[in-house]
């Protein structure tokens, strides 16, 4: 199981620590649009860095196991129980690469978030339909990620759920959707 502790944008500070969990790009993205597939920043890293590709493949296989929820909870405990982490705010980014690939896997993350109410979990996703009718814990933020070619039905689901939306495109195109941030792709969407 490979969890990273930050990136360029999520660098630890004296008060805050980061955990990041990644899966393979595109393979685990059932609702990726054609534009998303074309401009996927995570695929670039997998092509460029064999280690990233291999770690994400291992993570995907681990996520398929019935014991994933318990194994992830134990891994998180290893980090938060380190002396340098005690008393710090911990933020957990689910899927800097990859996405919720089915409803069962999404439920596993809800269960994990419920175990750690003092950790804030965040995921950008196109798989919003896996969360319909499910009460999310207060410490799990799901943001809908949209592109120009996002289907109106998917937008309707996100709007129905009241999910904040993150876009790599001009937010004027989605005037009726509560977009909270527009990505500057020059810096790398989703980082």
Protein backbone atom coordinates (compact mmCIF):
# COMPACT_ATOMS: atom_id res chain seq x y z
CA UNK A 1 0.00 0.00 0.00
CA UNK A 2 1.52 3.30 -1.13
CA UNK A 3 0.43 6.52 0.56
CA UNK A 4 2.36 9.69 -0.14
CA UNK A 5 2.79 12.53 2.33
CA UNK A 6 2.47 15.49 0.01
CA UNK A 7 3.31 17.07 -3.32
CA UNK A 8 4.26 20.55 -4.55
CA UNK A 9 0.89 22.01 -3.62
CA UNK A 10 0.21 19.88 -0.55
CA UNK A 11 3.44 20.36 1.37
CA UNK A 12 3.44 19.66 5.10
CA UNK A 13 3.76 22.56 7.49
CA UNK A 14 4.49 22.81 11.20
CA UNK A 15 0.76 22.41 11.93
CA UNK A 16 -0.55 20.35 9.01
CA UNK A 17 0.31 16.95 7.52
CA UNK A 18 -0.96 15.47 4.26
CA UNK A 19 -1.71 11.97 3.07
CA UNK A 20 -2.45 11.17 -0.58
CA UNK A 21 -3.82 7.93 -2.06
CA UNK A 22 -3.61 7.31 -5.80
CA UNK A 23 -4.97 4.78 -8.25
CA UNK A 24 -4.13 4.24 -11.93
CA UNK A 25 -5.33 7.05 -14.19
CA UNK A 26 -8.20 6.38 -16.59
CA UNK A 27 -8.43 2.64 -15.77
CA UNK A 28 -10.21 3.53 -12.53
CA UNK A 29 -12.21 6.44 -13.96
CA UNK A 30 -15.55 5.05 -15.21
CA UNK A 31 -17.05 8.49 -15.88
CA UNK A 32 -14.02 10.18 -17.44
CA UNK A 33 -15.01 12.31 -20.39
CA UNK A 34 -13.07 12.34 -23.65
CA UNK A 35 -11.50 15.69 -22.73
CA UNK A 36 -10.55 14.40 -19.31
CA UNK A 37 -8.85 11.39 -20.91
CA UNK A 38 -7.08 13.59 -23.46
CA UNK A 39 -5.70 16.10 -20.94
CA UNK A 40 -5.24 13.81 -17.92
CA UNK A 41 -2.24 15.07 -15.94
CA UNK A 42 -2.01 11.80 -14.01
CA UNK A 43 -1.37 9.74 -17.15
CA UNK A 44 1.65 11.93 -17.84
CA UNK A 45 3.17 10.99 -14.48
CA UNK A 46 2.52 7.31 -15.13
CA UNK A 47 4.27 7.52 -18.49
CA UNK A 48 7.16 9.51 -17.07
CA UNK A 49 7.69 7.71 -13.76
CA UNK A 50 7.63 3.92 -13.61
CA UNK A 51 7.48 4.09 -9.81
CA UNK A 52 4.23 6.09 -9.88
CA UNK A 53 2.68 3.67 -12.35
CA UNK A 54 3.71 0.65 -10.27
CA UNK A 55 2.59 2.15 -6.94
CA UNK A 56 -0.83 3.02 -8.35
CA UNK A 57 -1.22 -0.51 -9.72
CA UNK A 58 -0.39 -1.96 -6.29
CA UNK A 59 -2.88 0.42 -4.68
CA UNK A 60 -5.60 -0.62 -7.12
CA UNK A 61 -5.04 -4.29 -6.31
CA UNK A 62 -5.06 -3.50 -2.60
CA UNK A 63 -8.34 -1.57 -2.99
CA UNK A 64 -10.02 -4.67 -4.44
CA UNK A 65 -9.37 -6.73 -1.32
CA UNK A 66 -12.19 -7.24 1.19
CA UNK A 67 -9.69 -6.22 3.89
CA UNK A 68 -8.94 -2.84 2.27
CA UNK A 69 -10.84 -0.74 4.80
CA UNK A 70 -9.07 -2.30 7.77
CA UNK A 71 -5.68 -2.25 6.03
CA UNK A 72 -6.07 1.44 5.14
CA UNK A 73 -7.12 2.29 8.70
CA UNK A 74 -4.00 0.57 10.02
CA UNK A 75 -1.80 2.44 7.52
CA UNK A 76 -3.33 5.78 8.52
CA UNK A 77 -2.71 4.92 12.18
CA UNK A 78 0.98 4.36 11.41
CA UNK A 79 1.23 7.94 10.16
CA UNK A 80 -0.85 9.74 12.76
CA UNK A 81 0.87 7.94 15.61
CA UNK A 82 4.33 9.12 14.57
CA UNK A 83 5.71 11.56 17.14
CA UNK A 84 6.09 14.32 14.53
CA UNK A 85 2.42 13.92 13.53
CA UNK A 86 0.81 13.91 16.95
CA UNK A 87 -1.45 16.88 17.54
CA UNK A 88 -1.22 18.02 13.91
CA UNK A 89 -4.09 18.65 11.53
CA UNK A 90 -4.19 15.82 8.97
CA UNK A 91 -5.70 16.23 5.51
CA UNK A 92 -6.18 13.16 3.32
CA UNK A 93 -6.48 13.63 -0.45
CA UNK A 94 -8.23 10.64 -2.00
CA UNK A 95 -7.23 10.23 -5.66
CA UNK A 96 -4.77 12.75 -6.85
CA UNK A 97 -4.84 10.14 -9.63
CA UNK A 98 -7.71 7.79 -10.37
CA UNK A 99 -11.31 7.86 -9.16
CA UNK A 100 -14.01 5.92 -7.37
CA UNK A 101 -14.43 3.00 -9.76
CA UNK A 102 -17.57 1.49 -8.22
CA UNK A 103 -20.05 2.05 -5.41
CA UNK A 104 -18.49 -0.60 -3.15
CA UNK A 105 -15.11 1.12 -3.32
CA UNK A 106 -16.71 4.52 -2.62
CA UNK A 107 -18.39 3.01 0.45
CA UNK A 108 -15.02 1.77 1.68
CA UNK A 109 -13.77 5.38 1.80
CA UNK A 110 -16.90 6.50 3.63
CA UNK A 111 -16.22 3.78 6.19
CA UNK A 112 -12.57 4.86 6.49
CA UNK A 113 -13.55 8.50 6.99
CA UNK A 114 -15.97 7.44 9.73
CA UNK A 115 -13.09 5.77 11.61
CA UNK A 116 -11.06 9.02 11.64
CA UNK A 117 -13.39 11.95 12.45
CA UNK A 118 -10.38 14.20 13.17
CA UNK A 119 -8.93 13.77 9.67
CA UNK A 120 -10.40 15.79 6.80
CA UNK A 121 -10.79 13.66 3.65
CA UNK A 122 -11.18 15.29 0.21
CA UNK A 123 -11.87 13.81 -3.21
CA UNK A 124 -12.46 15.36 -6.60
CA UNK A 125 -14.54 12.95 -8.66
CA UNK A 126 -16.62 12.37 -11.73
CA UNK A 127 -18.20 9.34 -10.03
CA UNK A 128 -20.85 11.34 -8.16
CA UNK A 129 -23.57 8.78 -8.91
CA UNK A 130 -21.88 6.37 -6.47
CA UNK A 131 -22.74 8.77 -3.63
CA UNK A 132 -26.43 9.37 -4.41
CA UNK A 133 -28.59 8.65 -1.38
CA UNK A 134 -25.59 8.12 0.90
CA UNK A 135 -25.03 10.34 3.92
CA UNK A 136 -21.44 11.53 3.85
CA UNK A 137 -19.55 12.00 7.09
CA UNK A 138 -18.80 15.62 7.99
CA UNK A 139 -15.08 15.02 7.47
CA UNK A 140 -15.46 13.75 3.86
CA UNK A 141 -15.73 16.41 1.17
CA UNK A 142 -16.67 15.26 -2.32
CA UNK A 143 -16.23 17.77 -5.15
CA UNK A 144 -17.59 17.15 -8.62
CA UNK A 145 -14.98 17.61 -11.35
CA UNK A 146 -16.30 18.85 -14.72
CA UNK A 147 -15.03 19.45 -18.24
CA UNK A 148 -16.62 21.02 -21.32
CA UNK A 149 -17.97 17.62 -22.33
CA UNK A 150 -19.46 16.68 -18.95
CA UNK A 151 -22.93 15.27 -19.55
CA UNK A 152 -25.88 17.36 -18.34
CA UNK A 153 -27.22 14.36 -16.41
CA UNK A 154 -24.04 14.20 -14.36
CA UNK A 155 -24.33 17.92 -13.62
CA UNK A 156 -27.92 17.36 -12.52
CA UNK A 157 -26.82 14.65 -10.09
CA UNK A 158 -24.16 16.92 -8.57
CA UNK A 159 -26.63 19.81 -8.36
CA UNK A 160 -29.23 17.55 -6.71
CA UNK A 161 -26.66 16.46 -4.14
CA UNK A 162 -25.48 20.03 -3.56
CA UNK A 163 -21.88 19.09 -4.30
CA UNK A 164 -19.34 21.83 -4.85
CA UNK A 165 -17.96 21.67 -8.36
CA UNK A 166 -14.42 22.10 -9.64
CA UNK A 167 -13.77 22.91 -13.26
CA UNK A 168 -10.89 23.01 -15.71
CA UNK A 169 -13.08 25.05 -18.07
CA UNK A 170 -14.71 28.46 -18.12
CA UNK A 171 -17.23 28.52 -15.30
CA UNK A 172 -19.59 30.74 -17.34
CA UNK A 173 -20.54 27.57 -19.20
CA UNK A 174 -21.91 26.16 -15.97
CA UNK A 175 -23.70 29.24 -14.63
CA UNK A 176 -26.32 27.16 -12.81
CA UNK A 177 -23.78 24.94 -11.04
CA UNK A 178 -22.12 26.08 -7.79
CA UNK A 179 -18.55 26.00 -9.10
CA UNK A 180 -16.20 26.96 -6.34
CA UNK A 181 -12.90 26.96 -8.18
CA UNK A 182 -11.50 27.03 -11.67
CA UNK A 183 -8.31 25.11 -12.30
CA UNK A 184 -5.32 26.80 -13.92
CA UNK A 185 -4.12 23.88 -16.03
CA UNK A 186 -0.72 25.47 -16.49
CA UNK A 187 -0.09 24.61 -12.85
CA UNK A 188 -1.51 21.10 -13.21
CA UNK A 189 -5.15 20.27 -12.69
CA UNK A 190 -5.97 18.21 -9.69
CA UNK A 191 -2.64 18.59 -7.90
